Amino acid sequence: MAPSHPTAPRASDPAADRALLQQVALGSGPAMREVYARCGARAFAVTLRLLPSRADAEEVLQETFLEVWRRAREFDPARGGMETWVTTIARTRAIDRLRAMGTMSRVVEGASHQAPPVSATPTAPDDAASRGQDRGRVLAALKQLPPEQREVVELAYFEGLSQREIAERTGDPLGTVKTRARLALEKLGDLLRELAPGS
């Protein structure tokens, strides 16, 4: 289910989003196609940035929309628009796939060569990190980063900001943000190996 001809982005209408996903929950194929048309390209961009191959990204995209179908009744427009909700599911699925490919340190090393995910409504860092068995190690490692490096990681990988958006948010030069991101990911890799069970 790779996105081929998504519709142009449009402003999110919470009431319309809820109604559309209620139709999806009732098994409406046309409603599901509408959700895919609106959210597929953005979700696919996230999986492509996080995963090592297009094939993996396409597989995770399929898993994402299967989860959307199963969880359509859970959508809460008070917590963000439909596009943000679907993108968050895609990001979480991609991270879960990376974890399944190897250790968390391998995830961090791979992420250091990828651009941050596309912008989305902020997701609480603790909520994002709570998925998967590595929650405790990830949070422990993040706490050991220097504050300025931890802020860059949280803004990029939990809130979905680009490095340029992080620079605008923090008021730091773009080059400084890039350096902090690289140093943070390198340090996270070392910390996660140290915190790995049996190490």
C-alpha atoms as a PDB file:
ATOM      1  CA  MET A   1       0.000   0.000   0.000  1.00  0.00           C
ATOM      2  CA  ALA A   2       2.670   2.536  -0.966  1.00  0.00           C
ATOM      3  CA  PRO A   3       1.280   6.040  -1.467  1.00  0.00           C
ATOM      4  CA  SER A   4       1.026   6.901  -5.129  1.00  0.00           C
ATOM      5  CA  HIS A   5      -1.548   9.636  -5.640  1.00  0.00           C
ATOM      6  CA  PRO A   6      -2.394  11.210  -2.272  1.00  0.00           C
ATOM      7  CA  THR A   7      -4.713  14.157  -2.242  1.00  0.00           C
ATOM      8  CA  ALA A   8      -3.368  17.607  -1.495  1.00  0.00           C
ATOM      9  CA  PRO A   9      -3.044  18.441   2.212  1.00  0.00           C
ATOM     10  CA  ARG A  10      -5.945  20.300   3.733  1.00  0.00           C
ATOM     11  CA  ALA A  11      -6.794  21.827   7.071  1.00  0.00           C
ATOM     12  CA  SER A  12      -7.903  19.278   9.631  1.00  0.00           C
ATOM     13  CA  ASP A  13     -11.528  19.439  10.828  1.00  0.00           C
ATOM     14  CA  PRO A  14     -11.788  17.553  14.151  1.00  0.00           C
ATOM     15  CA  ALA A  15     -15.496  16.779  13.751  1.00  0.00           C
ATOM     16  CA  ALA A  16     -15.002  15.578  10.188  1.00  0.00           C
ATOM     17  CA  ASP A  17     -11.965  13.517  11.207  1.00  0.00           C
ATOM     18  CA  ARG A  18     -13.964  11.794  13.951  1.00  0.00           C
ATOM     19  CA  ALA A  19     -16.886  11.110  11.620  1.00  0.00           C
ATOM     20  CA  LEU A  20     -14.586   9.692   8.953  1.00  0.00           C
ATOM     21  CA  LEU A  21     -12.837   7.372  11.401  1.00  0.00           C
ATOM     22  CA  GLN A  22     -16.175   6.249  12.810  1.00  0.00           C
ATOM     23  CA  GLN A  23     -17.030   5.119   9.281  1.00  0.00           C
ATOM     24  CA  VAL A  24     -13.694   3.295   9.118  1.00  0.00           C
ATOM     25  CA  ALA A  25     -14.541   1.584  12.426  1.00  0.00           C
ATOM     26  CA  LEU A  26     -17.791   0.397  10.871  1.00  0.00           C
ATOM     27  CA  GLY A  27     -15.830  -1.203   8.023  1.00  0.00           C
ATOM     28  CA  SER A  28     -16.275   1.406   5.287  1.00  0.00           C
ATOM     29  CA  GLY A  29     -13.793   0.849   2.474  1.00  0.00           C
ATOM     30  CA  PRO A  30     -14.314   4.293   0.907  1.00  0.00           C
ATOM     31  CA  ALA A  31     -13.705   5.952   4.276  1.00  0.00           C
ATOM     32  CA  MET A  32     -10.504   3.977   4.716  1.00  0.00           C
ATOM     33  CA  ARG A  33      -9.348   5.017   1.236  1.00  0.00           C
ATOM     34  CA  GLU A  34     -10.025   8.659   2.164  1.00  0.00           C
ATOM     35  CA  VAL A  35      -7.922   8.315   5.325  1.00  0.00           C
ATOM     36  CA  TYR A  36      -5.138   6.761   3.276  1.00  0.00           C
ATOM     37  CA  ALA A  37      -5.337   9.473   0.602  1.00  0.00           C
ATOM     38  CA  ARG A  38      -5.019  12.201   3.223  1.00  0.00           C
ATOM     39  CA  CYS A  39      -2.405  10.605   5.480  1.00  0.00           C
ATOM     40  CA  GLY A  40      -0.485   8.078   3.390  1.00  0.00           C
ATOM     41  CA  ALA A  41       2.204  10.350   1.960  1.00  0.00           C
ATOM     42  CA  ARG A  42       3.073  11.905   5.315  1.00  0.00           C
ATOM     43  CA  ALA A  43       3.135   8.536   7.095  1.00  0.00           C
ATOM     44  CA  PHE A  44       5.279   7.052   4.322  1.00  0.00           C
ATOM     45  CA  ALA A  45       7.756   9.930   4.596  1.00  0.00           C
ATOM     46  CA  VAL A  46       8.216   9.116   8.286  1.00  0.00           C
ATOM     47  CA  THR A  47       8.817   5.418   7.668  1.00  0.00           C
ATOM     48  CA  LEU A  48      11.267   6.164   4.834  1.00  0.00           C
ATOM     49  CA  ARG A  49      13.307   8.465   7.066  1.00  0.00           C
ATOM     50  CA  LEU A  50      13.517   5.951   9.903  1.00  0.00           C
ATOM     51  CA  LEU A  51      13.885   2.608   8.146  1.00  0.00           C
ATOM     52  CA  PRO A  52      16.875   1.292   6.169  1.00  0.00           C
ATOM     53  CA  SER A  53      15.012   0.290   3.002  1.00  0.00           C
ATOM     54  CA  ARG A  54      11.974   1.246   0.962  1.00  0.00           C
ATOM     55  CA  ALA A  55      10.650  -2.316   1.274  1.00  0.00           C
ATOM     56  CA  ASP A  56      10.680  -2.048   5.064  1.00  0.00           C
ATOM     57  CA  ALA A  57       9.008   1.360   4.886  1.00  0.00           C
ATOM     58  CA  GLU A  58       6.229   0.027   2.636  1.00  0.00           C
ATOM     59  CA  GLU A  59       5.639  -2.955   4.921  1.00  0.00           C
ATOM     60  CA  VAL A  60       5.436  -0.735   7.990  1.00  0.00           C
ATOM     61  CA  LEU A  61       3.070   1.591   6.117  1.00  0.00           C
ATOM     62  CA  GLN A  62       0.735  -1.371   5.555  1.00  0.00           C
ATOM     63  CA  GLU A  63       0.956  -2.255   9.239  1.00  0.00           C
ATOM     64  CA  THR A  64       0.191   1.359  10.096  1.00  0.00           C
ATOM     65  CA  PHE A  65      -3.074   1.420   8.179  1.00  0.00           C
ATOM     66  CA  LEU A  66      -4.098  -1.989   9.495  1.00  0.00           C
ATOM     67  CA  GLU A  67      -3.649  -0.509  12.963  1.00  0.00           C
ATOM     68  CA  VAL A  68      -5.633   2.572  11.945  1.00  0.00           C
ATOM     69  CA  TRP A  69      -8.443   0.275  10.814  1.00  0.00           C
ATOM     70  CA  ARG A  70      -8.379  -1.656  14.121  1.00  0.00           C
ATOM     71  CA  ARG A  71      -8.071   1.406  16.349  1.00  0.00           C
ATOM     72  CA  ALA A  72     -10.329   3.857  14.491  1.00  0.00           C
ATOM     73  CA  ARG A  73     -12.743   4.035  17.434  1.00  0.00           C
ATOM     74  CA  GLU A  74      -9.903   5.201  19.696  1.00  0.00           C
ATOM     75  CA  PHE A  75      -9.235   8.413  17.765  1.00  0.00           C
ATOM     76  CA  ASP A  76      -9.576  11.469  20.010  1.00  0.00           C
ATOM     77  CA  PRO A  77      -9.596  14.776  18.091  1.00  0.00           C
ATOM     78  CA  ALA A  78      -8.898  16.632  21.350  1.00  0.00           C
ATOM     79  CA  ARG A  79      -5.357  15.200  21.261  1.00  0.00           C
ATOM     80  CA  GLY A  80      -4.594  16.272  17.685  1.00  0.00           C
ATOM     81  CA  GLY A  81      -5.720  15.909  14.097  1.00  0.00           C
ATOM     82  CA  MET A  82      -6.147  12.679  12.170  1.00  0.00           C
ATOM     83  CA  GLU A  83      -2.944  13.228  10.157  1.00  0.00           C
ATOM     84  CA  THR A  84      -0.951  13.606  13.372  1.00  0.00           C
ATOM     85  CA  TRP A  85      -2.562  10.498  14.855  1.00  0.00           C
ATOM     86  CA  VAL A  86      -1.745   8.375  11.805  1.00  0.00           C
ATOM     87  CA  THR A  87       1.793   9.776  11.591  1.00  0.00           C
ATOM     88  CA  THR A  88       2.389   8.950  15.250  1.00  0.00           C
ATOM     89  CA  ILE A  89       1.289   5.358  14.639  1.00  0.00           C
ATOM     90  CA  ALA A  90       3.618   5.147  11.631  1.00  0.00           C
ATOM     91  CA  ARG A  91       6.572   6.501  13.612  1.00  0.00           C
ATOM     92  CA  THR A  92       5.921   4.095  16.481  1.00  0.00           C
ATOM     93  CA  ARG A  93       5.633   1.130  14.105  1.00  0.00           C
ATOM     94  CA  ALA A  94       8.879   2.125  12.378  1.00  0.00           C
ATOM     95  CA  ILE A  95      10.722   2.379  15.700  1.00  0.00           C
ATOM     96  CA  ASP A  96       9.329  -0.993  16.754  1.00  0.00           C
ATOM     97  CA  ARG A  97      10.590  -2.457  13.475  1.00  0.00           C
ATOM     98  CA  LEU A  98      14.055  -1.013  14.066  1.00  0.00           C
ATOM     99  CA  ARG A  99      14.124  -2.510  17.539  1.00  0.00           C
ATOM    100  CA  ALA A 100      13.180  -5.869  16.099  1.00  0.00           C
ATOM    101  CA  MET A 101      16.093  -5.649  13.656  1.00  0.00           C
ATOM    102  CA  GLY A 102      18.660  -5.441  16.422  1.00  0.00           C
ATOM    103  CA  THR A 103      19.668  -3.735  19.608  1.00  0.00           C
ATOM    104  CA  MET A 104      18.636  -0.215  20.503  1.00  0.00           C
ATOM    105  CA  SER A 105      22.181   0.953  19.928  1.00  0.00           C
ATOM    106  CA  ARG A 106      21.880  -0.170  16.316  1.00  0.00           C
ATOM    107  CA  VAL A 107      18.686   1.885  16.062  1.00  0.00           C
ATOM    108  CA  VAL A 108      20.480   4.971  17.316  1.00  0.00           C
ATOM    109  CA  GLU A 109      23.433   4.433  14.994  1.00  0.00           C
ATOM    110  CA  GLY A 110      21.089   4.103  12.022  1.00  0.00           C
ATOM    111  CA  ALA A 111      19.059   7.130  13.048  1.00  0.00           C
ATOM    112  CA  SER A 112      22.200   9.263  13.128  1.00  0.00           C
ATOM    113  CA  HIS A 113      22.312   9.042   9.322  1.00  0.00           C
ATOM    114  CA  GLN A 114      18.641   9.891   8.840  1.00  0.00           C
ATOM    115  CA  ALA A 115      16.792  13.201   8.797  1.00  0.00           C
ATOM    116  CA  PRO A 116      14.305  13.777  11.646  1.00  0.00           C
ATOM    117  CA  PRO A 117      10.656  12.858  10.965  1.00  0.00           C
ATOM    118  CA  VAL A 118       8.296  15.349   9.377  1.00  0.00           C
ATOM    119  CA  SER A 119       6.719  17.864  11.716  1.00  0.00           C
ATOM    120  CA  ALA A 120       3.719  16.763  13.735  1.00  0.00           C
ATOM    121  CA  THR A 121       1.799  17.893  16.782  1.00  0.00           C
ATOM    122  CA  PRO A 122       4.056  17.260  19.798  1.00  0.00           C
ATOM    123  CA  THR A 123       3.854  13.882  21.494  1.00  0.00           C
ATOM    124  CA  ALA A 124       4.968  13.655  25.118  1.00  0.00           C
ATOM    125  CA  PRO A 125       8.479  12.150  25.256  1.00  0.00           C
ATOM    126  CA  ASP A 126       7.446   9.721  27.990  1.00  0.00           C
ATOM    127  CA  ASP A 127       4.469   8.526  25.920  1.00  0.00           C
ATOM    128  CA  ALA A 128       6.664   7.954  22.888  1.00  0.00           C
ATOM    129  CA  ALA A 129       9.399   6.170  24.818  1.00  0.00           C
ATOM    130  CA  SER A 130       6.992   4.003  26.791  1.00  0.00           C
ATOM    131  CA  ARG A 131       6.402   1.633  23.882  1.00  0.00           C
ATOM    132  CA  GLY A 132       8.560  -1.447  23.771  1.00  0.00           C
ATOM    133  CA  GLN A 133      10.732  -3.246  26.265  1.00  0.00           C
ATOM    134  CA  ASP A 134      13.552  -0.702  26.001  1.00  0.00           C
ATOM    135  CA  ARG A 135      11.630   2.092  27.747  1.00  0.00           C
ATOM    136  CA  GLY A 136      13.673   2.060  30.931  1.00  0.00           C
ATOM    137  CA  ARG A 137      17.015   1.956  29.138  1.00  0.00           C
ATOM    138  CA  VAL A 138      16.046   4.723  26.729  1.00  0.00           C
ATOM    139  CA  LEU A 139      14.832   7.045  29.472  1.00  0.00           C
ATOM    140  CA  ALA A 140      17.874   6.313  31.630  1.00  0.00           C
ATOM    141  CA  ALA A 141      20.186   7.039  28.711  1.00  0.00           C
ATOM    142  CA  LEU A 142      18.362  10.268  27.815  1.00  0.00           C
ATOM    143  CA  LYS A 143      18.719  11.517  31.389  1.00  0.00           C
ATOM    144  CA  GLN A 144      22.503  11.147  31.118  1.00  0.00           C
ATOM    145  CA  LEU A 145      22.782  13.392  28.056  1.00  0.00           C
ATOM    146  CA  PRO A 146      23.780  17.036  28.532  1.00  0.00           C
ATOM    147  CA  PRO A 147      20.560  19.106  28.695  1.00  0.00           C
ATOM    148  CA  GLU A 148      21.135  20.837  25.341  1.00  0.00           C
ATOM    149  CA  GLN A 149      21.704  17.500  23.562  1.00  0.00           C
ATOM    150  CA  ARG A 150      18.712  15.860  25.245  1.00  0.00           C
ATOM    151  CA  GLU A 151      16.505  18.753  24.139  1.00  0.00           C
ATOM    152  CA  VAL A 152      17.502  18.276  20.490  1.00  0.00           C
ATOM    153  CA  VAL A 153      16.778  14.527  20.614  1.00  0.00           C
ATOM    154  CA  GLU A 154      13.403  15.014  22.273  1.00  0.00           C
ATOM    155  CA  LEU A 155      12.332  17.744  19.845  1.00  0.00           C
ATOM    156  CA  ALA A 156      13.476  15.768  16.792  1.00  0.00           C
ATOM    157  CA  TYR A 157      12.417  12.216  17.553  1.00  0.00           C
ATOM    158  CA  PHE A 158       9.513  12.652  19.974  1.00  0.00           C
ATOM    159  CA  GLU A 159       7.946  15.886  18.715  1.00  0.00           C
ATOM    160  CA  GLY A 160       8.864  15.322  15.062  1.00  0.00           C
ATOM    161  CA  LEU A 161      10.577  18.662  14.438  1.00  0.00           C
ATOM    162  CA  SER A 162      13.146  19.091  11.683  1.00  0.00           C
ATOM    163  CA  GLN A 163      16.586  20.411  12.599  1.00  0.00           C
ATOM    164  CA  ARG A 164      15.674  23.778  11.099  1.00  0.00           C
ATOM    165  CA  GLU A 165      12.498  23.889  13.208  1.00  0.00           C
ATOM    166  CA  ILE A 166      14.532  22.997  16.302  1.00  0.00           C
ATOM    167  CA  ALA A 167      16.885  25.889  15.547  1.00  0.00           C
ATOM    168  CA  GLU A 168      13.888  28.231  15.268  1.00  0.00           C
ATOM    169  CA  ARG A 169      12.369  26.858  18.494  1.00  0.00           C
ATOM    170  CA  THR A 170      15.562  27.118  20.556  1.00  0.00           C
ATOM    171  CA  GLY A 171      17.109  30.172  18.918  1.00  0.00           C
ATOM    172  CA  ASP A 172      20.353  28.268  18.272  1.00  0.00           C
ATOM    173  CA  PRO A 173      22.216  28.293  14.925  1.00  0.00           C
ATOM    174  CA  LEU A 174      21.316  25.415  12.613  1.00  0.00           C
ATOM    175  CA  GLY A 175      24.932  24.191  12.652  1.00  0.00           C
ATOM    176  CA  THR A 176      24.846  24.007  16.443  1.00  0.00           C
ATOM    177  CA  VAL A 177      21.652  21.954  16.349  1.00  0.00           C
ATOM    178  CA  LYS A 178      23.184  19.535  13.838  1.00  0.00           C
ATOM    179  CA  THR A 179      26.307  19.114  15.960  1.00  0.00           C
ATOM    180  CA  ARG A 180      24.273  18.518  19.119  1.00  0.00           C
ATOM    181  CA  ALA A 181      22.120  15.931  17.345  1.00  0.00           C
ATOM    182  CA  ARG A 182      25.180  14.039  16.098  1.00  0.00           C
ATOM    183  CA  LEU A 183      26.899  14.103  19.488  1.00  0.00           C
ATOM    184  CA  ALA A 184      23.695  13.079  21.270  1.00  0.00           C
ATOM    185  CA  LEU A 185      23.141  10.082  19.006  1.00  0.00           C
ATOM    186  CA  GLU A 186      26.742   8.955  19.376  1.00  0.00           C
ATOM    187  CA  LYS A 187      26.513   9.226  23.164  1.00  0.00           C
ATOM    188  CA  LEU A 188      23.135   7.471  23.235  1.00  0.00           C
ATOM    189  CA  GLY A 189      24.631   4.559  21.339  1.00  0.00           C
ATOM    190  CA  ASP A 190      27.385   4.212  23.946  1.00  0.00           C
ATOM    191  CA  LEU A 191      25.007   4.620  26.885  1.00  0.00           C
ATOM    192  CA  LEU A 192      22.502   2.090  25.556  1.00  0.00           C
ATOM    193  CA  ARG A 193      25.239  -0.480  25.094  1.00  0.00           C
ATOM    194  CA  GLU A 194      26.347   0.127  28.693  1.00  0.00           C
ATOM    195  CA  LEU A 195      22.763  -0.191  29.945  1.00  0.00           C
ATOM    196  CA  ALA A 196      21.995  -3.313  27.904  1.00  0.00           C
ATOM    197  CA  PRO A 197      21.042  -6.378  29.983  1.00  0.00           C
ATOM    198  CA  GLY A 198      24.093  -8.494  30.799  1.00  0.00           C
ATOM    199  CA  SER A 199      26.576  -5.764  29.922  1.00  0.00           C
END
